[in-house]
Amino acid sequence: MRQEHPHGYNSLELRLFSEDDRARCQKIAALAALSSYGPHMPECRNRFVETQPLEPADTRIVAIRDGTVVGFLDLVGSHVSNLFVDPQHQGQGIGTALMAEAERWAVGDLTLSVFTLNPDARRLYERLGFEVEGVKMVPFASSSAEVWIMRKPHSKRLGGL
């Protein structure tokens, strides 16, 4: 699953997660969460730590650049439950490449939820063809948070009609 980035960055390899990736993925999840929505959720900052276990996933895909895991995506069925890119590597097409790989794995419509306090993520997903279906409150940490519910119909994926 090696991909060349259109802007001349070093090549990006996408592959399935292995146990050797666990610590790096935990660190990326903590760093990305702190930078994206940690400032808006000060009561949850202690949750965004490198020792936080990864959430269960049916499929976990990692992105590797220059031998280092720089991001990962979790799928539960056809739902993207997590997409995290190391903040030092954001804006380089890694999230887009991981989402394209998720489309290859998913059956049917691809769905996701994104915190409403993370409009940058919503813009990424909209550029990738996702549409907001609604807003709802979901349990998060010891509280709740508002999320946009987003969907990309199968017919709009991978050159669909």
C-alpha atoms as a PDB file:
ATOM      1  CA  MET A   1       0.000   0.000   0.000  1.00  0.00           C
ATOM      2  CA  ARG A   2       2.801   2.460  -0.798  1.00  0.00           C
ATOM      3  CA  GLN A   3       1.642   5.839  -2.055  1.00  0.00           C
ATOM      4  CA  GLU A   4       3.522   8.779  -3.469  1.00  0.00           C
ATOM      5  CA  HIS A   5       2.374  12.158  -2.238  1.00  0.00           C
ATOM      6  CA  PRO A   6       1.519  14.582  -5.072  1.00  0.00           C
ATOM      7  CA  HIS A   7       3.492  17.430  -3.478  1.00  0.00           C
ATOM      8  CA  GLY A   8       6.823  15.618  -3.499  1.00  0.00           C
ATOM      9  CA  TYR A   9       6.912  14.585   0.162  1.00  0.00           C
ATOM     10  CA  ASN A  10       8.679  11.359   0.919  1.00  0.00           C
ATOM     11  CA  SER A  11       6.571   8.368   0.047  1.00  0.00           C
ATOM     12  CA  LEU A  12       3.896   7.258   2.455  1.00  0.00           C
ATOM     13  CA  GLU A  13       3.298   3.624   3.292  1.00  0.00           C
ATOM     14  CA  LEU A  14      -0.098   2.456   4.515  1.00  0.00           C
ATOM     15  CA  ARG A  15      -0.405  -0.931   6.175  1.00  0.00           C
ATOM     16  CA  LEU A  16      -2.357  -2.781   8.799  1.00  0.00           C
ATOM     17  CA  PHE A  17      -1.469  -2.131  12.435  1.00  0.00           C
ATOM     18  CA  SER A  18       0.896  -4.465  14.262  1.00  0.00           C
ATOM     19  CA  GLU A  19       1.499  -4.677  17.999  1.00  0.00           C
ATOM     20  CA  ASP A  20       4.877  -3.004  17.462  1.00  0.00           C
ATOM     21  CA  ASP A  21       2.915   0.154  16.460  1.00  0.00           C
ATOM     22  CA  ARG A  22       0.875   0.359  19.674  1.00  0.00           C
ATOM     23  CA  ALA A  23       3.023   2.773  21.723  1.00  0.00           C
ATOM     24  CA  ARG A  24       3.541   5.142  18.782  1.00  0.00           C
ATOM     25  CA  CYS A  25      -0.200   5.134  17.972  1.00  0.00           C
ATOM     26  CA  GLN A  26      -1.039   5.866  21.608  1.00  0.00           C
ATOM     27  CA  LYS A  27       1.367   8.812  21.544  1.00  0.00           C
ATOM     28  CA  ILE A  28      -0.090  10.135  18.273  1.00  0.00           C
ATOM     29  CA  ALA A  29      -3.647   9.842  19.636  1.00  0.00           C
ATOM     30  CA  ALA A  30      -2.688  11.843  22.739  1.00  0.00           C
ATOM     31  CA  LEU A  31      -0.779  14.537  20.824  1.00  0.00           C
ATOM     32  CA  ALA A  32      -3.458  14.949  18.141  1.00  0.00           C
ATOM     33  CA  ALA A  33      -6.311  15.056  20.664  1.00  0.00           C
ATOM     34  CA  LEU A  34      -4.500  17.641  22.781  1.00  0.00           C
ATOM     35  CA  SER A  35      -3.803  19.880  19.795  1.00  0.00           C
ATOM     36  CA  SER A  36      -7.212  19.517  18.127  1.00  0.00           C
ATOM     37  CA  TYR A  37      -9.724  19.640  20.942  1.00  0.00           C
ATOM     38  CA  GLY A  38      -7.814  19.579  24.205  1.00  0.00           C
ATOM     39  CA  PRO A  39      -7.863  23.395  24.469  1.00  0.00           C
ATOM     40  CA  HIS A  40     -11.673  23.306  24.216  1.00  0.00           C
ATOM     41  CA  MET A  41     -12.058  20.493  26.759  1.00  0.00           C
ATOM     42  CA  PRO A  42      -9.795  21.409  29.687  1.00  0.00           C
ATOM     43  CA  GLU A  43     -11.721  19.024  31.939  1.00  0.00           C
ATOM     44  CA  CYS A  44     -10.590  16.125  29.706  1.00  0.00           C
ATOM     45  CA  ARG A  45      -6.917  17.034  29.311  1.00  0.00           C
ATOM     46  CA  ASN A  46      -5.835  14.262  31.688  1.00  0.00           C
ATOM     47  CA  ARG A  47      -7.489  11.745  29.341  1.00  0.00           C
ATOM     48  CA  PHE A  48      -5.192  12.689  26.447  1.00  0.00           C
ATOM     49  CA  VAL A  49      -2.106  10.822  27.625  1.00  0.00           C
ATOM     50  CA  GLU A  50       0.219   8.338  25.958  1.00  0.00           C
ATOM     51  CA  THR A  51      -0.802   5.586  28.372  1.00  0.00           C
ATOM     52  CA  GLN A  52      -4.475   5.762  27.293  1.00  0.00           C
ATOM     53  CA  PRO A  53      -5.333   2.420  25.649  1.00  0.00           C
ATOM     54  CA  LEU A  54      -6.333   2.457  21.999  1.00  0.00           C
ATOM     55  CA  GLU A  55     -10.047   2.046  21.406  1.00  0.00           C
ATOM     56  CA  PRO A  56     -11.243  -1.268  19.939  1.00  0.00           C
ATOM     57  CA  ALA A  57     -11.347  -1.393  16.131  1.00  0.00           C
ATOM     58  CA  ASP A  58     -12.166  -3.984  13.500  1.00  0.00           C
ATOM     59  CA  THR A  59      -9.423  -2.597  11.259  1.00  0.00           C
ATOM     60  CA  ARG A  60      -6.576  -0.231  12.174  1.00  0.00           C
ATOM     61  CA  ILE A  61      -4.475   1.207   9.356  1.00  0.00           C
ATOM     62  CA  VAL A  62      -1.194   3.009  10.030  1.00  0.00           C
ATOM     63  CA  ALA A  63       0.598   5.571   7.874  1.00  0.00           C
ATOM     64  CA  ILE A  64       4.391   5.361   7.853  1.00  0.00           C
ATOM     65  CA  ARG A  65       6.819   7.965   6.563  1.00  0.00           C
ATOM     66  CA  ASP A  66      10.581   7.436   6.721  1.00  0.00           C
ATOM     67  CA  GLY A  67      10.116   4.346   8.895  1.00  0.00           C
ATOM     68  CA  THR A  68       7.995   6.098  11.530  1.00  0.00           C
ATOM     69  CA  VAL A  69       4.261   5.784  12.162  1.00  0.00           C
ATOM     70  CA  VAL A  70       2.865   9.291  11.605  1.00  0.00           C
ATOM     71  CA  GLY A  71      -0.880   8.580  11.743  1.00  0.00           C
ATOM     72  CA  PHE A  72      -3.554   5.939  12.003  1.00  0.00           C
ATOM     73  CA  LEU A  73      -7.208   5.305  11.296  1.00  0.00           C
ATOM     74  CA  ASP A  74      -9.645   2.971  13.056  1.00  0.00           C
ATOM     75  CA  LEU A  75     -12.616   1.354  11.348  1.00  0.00           C
ATOM     76  CA  VAL A  76     -15.502  -0.334  13.137  1.00  0.00           C
ATOM     77  CA  GLY A  77     -17.473  -1.878  10.317  1.00  0.00           C
ATOM     78  CA  SER A  78     -17.806   1.016   7.865  1.00  0.00           C
ATOM     79  CA  HIS A  79     -17.550   3.691  10.550  1.00  0.00           C
ATOM     80  CA  VAL A  80     -14.331   5.690  10.943  1.00  0.00           C
ATOM     81  CA  SER A  81     -14.081   5.724  14.721  1.00  0.00           C
ATOM     82  CA  ASN A  82     -10.710   7.506  14.890  1.00  0.00           C
ATOM     83  CA  LEU A  83      -8.353   9.353  12.581  1.00  0.00           C
ATOM     84  CA  PHE A  84      -5.226  10.743  14.189  1.00  0.00           C
ATOM     85  CA  VAL A  85      -2.184  12.316  12.522  1.00  0.00           C
ATOM     86  CA  ASP A  86       0.856  13.462  14.478  1.00  0.00           C
ATOM     87  CA  PRO A  87       0.530  17.276  14.686  1.00  0.00           C
ATOM     88  CA  GLN A  88       4.052  17.636  13.236  1.00  0.00           C
ATOM     89  CA  HIS A  89       2.864  15.824  10.098  1.00  0.00           C
ATOM     90  CA  GLN A  90      -0.578  17.375   9.631  1.00  0.00           C
ATOM     91  CA  GLY A  91      -1.333  19.190   6.388  1.00  0.00           C
ATOM     92  CA  GLN A  92       0.748  16.747   4.327  1.00  0.00           C
ATOM     93  CA  GLY A  93      -2.040  14.563   2.916  1.00  0.00           C
ATOM     94  CA  ILE A  94      -1.688  11.773   5.477  1.00  0.00           C
ATOM     95  CA  GLY A  95      -5.265  12.027   6.741  1.00  0.00           C
ATOM     96  CA  THR A  96      -6.529  12.113   3.150  1.00  0.00           C
ATOM     97  CA  ALA A  97      -4.490   9.013   2.275  1.00  0.00           C
ATOM     98  CA  LEU A  98      -5.802   7.159   5.331  1.00  0.00           C
ATOM     99  CA  MET A  99      -9.387   8.095   4.448  1.00  0.00           C
ATOM    100  CA  ALA A 100      -8.887   6.842   0.870  1.00  0.00           C
ATOM    101  CA  GLU A 101      -7.662   3.546   2.298  1.00  0.00           C
ATOM    102  CA  ALA A 102     -10.714   3.392   4.591  1.00  0.00           C
ATOM    103  CA  GLU A 103     -12.905   3.670   1.503  1.00  0.00           C
ATOM    104  CA  ARG A 104     -11.210   0.582   0.075  1.00  0.00           C
ATOM    105  CA  TRP A 105     -11.949  -1.386   3.247  1.00  0.00           C
ATOM    106  CA  ALA A 106     -15.490  -0.201   3.966  1.00  0.00           C
ATOM    107  CA  VAL A 107     -18.608  -1.908   2.688  1.00  0.00           C
ATOM    108  CA  GLY A 108     -21.569   0.384   2.012  1.00  0.00           C
ATOM    109  CA  ASP A 109     -21.686   3.992   3.135  1.00  0.00           C
ATOM    110  CA  LEU A 110     -18.735   5.314   5.125  1.00  0.00           C
ATOM    111  CA  THR A 111     -19.701   7.171   8.314  1.00  0.00           C
ATOM    112  CA  LEU A 112     -17.955   9.132  11.035  1.00  0.00           C
ATOM    113  CA  SER A 113     -18.594  11.526  13.890  1.00  0.00           C
ATOM    114  CA  VAL A 114     -16.487  14.603  14.545  1.00  0.00           C
ATOM    115  CA  PHE A 115     -16.517  16.938  17.535  1.00  0.00           C
ATOM    116  CA  THR A 116     -18.234  20.211  16.634  1.00  0.00           C
ATOM    117  CA  LEU A 117     -15.360  22.021  18.300  1.00  0.00           C
ATOM    118  CA  ASN A 118     -13.059  20.640  15.576  1.00  0.00           C
ATOM    119  CA  PRO A 119     -14.181  22.521  12.418  1.00  0.00           C
ATOM    120  CA  ASP A 120     -10.851  21.828  10.668  1.00  0.00           C
ATOM    121  CA  ALA A 121     -11.661  18.109  10.689  1.00  0.00           C
ATOM    122  CA  ARG A 122     -15.157  18.796   9.366  1.00  0.00           C
ATOM    123  CA  ARG A 123     -13.681  20.804   6.461  1.00  0.00           C
ATOM    124  CA  LEU A 124     -11.345  17.903   5.622  1.00  0.00           C
ATOM    125  CA  TYR A 125     -14.207  15.425   5.587  1.00  0.00           C
ATOM    126  CA  GLU A 126     -16.399  17.711   3.493  1.00  0.00           C
ATOM    127  CA  ARG A 127     -13.572  18.088   0.953  1.00  0.00           C
ATOM    128  CA  LEU A 128     -13.511  14.284   0.824  1.00  0.00           C
ATOM    129  CA  GLY A 129     -17.223  14.112  -0.009  1.00  0.00           C
ATOM    130  CA  PHE A 130     -18.798  13.620   3.410  1.00  0.00           C
ATOM    131  CA  GLU A 131     -22.035  15.393   4.268  1.00  0.00           C
ATOM    132  CA  VAL A 132     -23.357  16.368   7.677  1.00  0.00           C
ATOM    133  CA  GLU A 133     -26.495  14.405   8.539  1.00  0.00           C
ATOM    134  CA  GLY A 134     -27.073  15.912  11.950  1.00  0.00           C
ATOM    135  CA  VAL A 135     -25.713  16.832  15.332  1.00  0.00           C
ATOM    136  CA  LYS A 136     -26.006  14.881  18.568  1.00  0.00           C
ATOM    137  CA  MET A 137     -24.552  14.641  22.033  1.00  0.00           C
ATOM    138  CA  VAL A 138     -22.388  11.600  22.756  1.00  0.00           C
ATOM    139  CA  PRO A 139     -20.799  10.362  25.970  1.00  0.00           C
ATOM    140  CA  PHE A 140     -17.148  11.400  26.192  1.00  0.00           C
ATOM    141  CA  ALA A 141     -14.835  10.895  29.156  1.00  0.00           C
ATOM    142  CA  SER A 142     -17.003  11.559  32.227  1.00  0.00           C
ATOM    143  CA  SER A 143     -19.200  14.058  30.400  1.00  0.00           C
ATOM    144  CA  SER A 144     -20.709  14.460  26.940  1.00  0.00           C
ATOM    145  CA  ALA A 145     -19.751  16.300  23.786  1.00  0.00           C
ATOM    146  CA  GLU A 146     -21.543  17.510  20.666  1.00  0.00           C
ATOM    147  CA  VAL A 147     -20.606  15.839  17.371  1.00  0.00           C
ATOM    148  CA  TRP A 148     -21.528  16.199  13.726  1.00  0.00           C
ATOM    149  CA  ILE A 149     -22.731  12.914  12.248  1.00  0.00           C
ATOM    150  CA  MET A 150     -21.294  12.620   8.719  1.00  0.00           C
ATOM    151  CA  ARG A 151     -21.774  10.152   5.869  1.00  0.00           C
ATOM    152  CA  LYS A 152     -20.250   9.489   2.467  1.00  0.00           C
ATOM    153  CA  PRO A 153     -22.626   7.380   0.400  1.00  0.00           C
ATOM    154  CA  HIS A 154     -21.165   4.331  -1.309  1.00  0.00           C
ATOM    155  CA  SER A 155     -22.279   5.817  -4.646  1.00  0.00           C
ATOM    156  CA  LYS A 156     -19.846   8.756  -4.123  1.00  0.00           C
ATOM    157  CA  ARG A 157     -16.887   6.593  -3.143  1.00  0.00           C
ATOM    158  CA  LEU A 158     -14.063   5.466  -5.368  1.00  0.00           C
ATOM    159  CA  GLY A 159     -15.496   6.910  -8.546  1.00  0.00           C
ATOM    160  CA  GLY A 160     -19.025   5.659  -7.878  1.00  0.00           C
ATOM    161  CA  LEU A 161     -21.927   6.913  -9.976  1.00  0.00           C
END
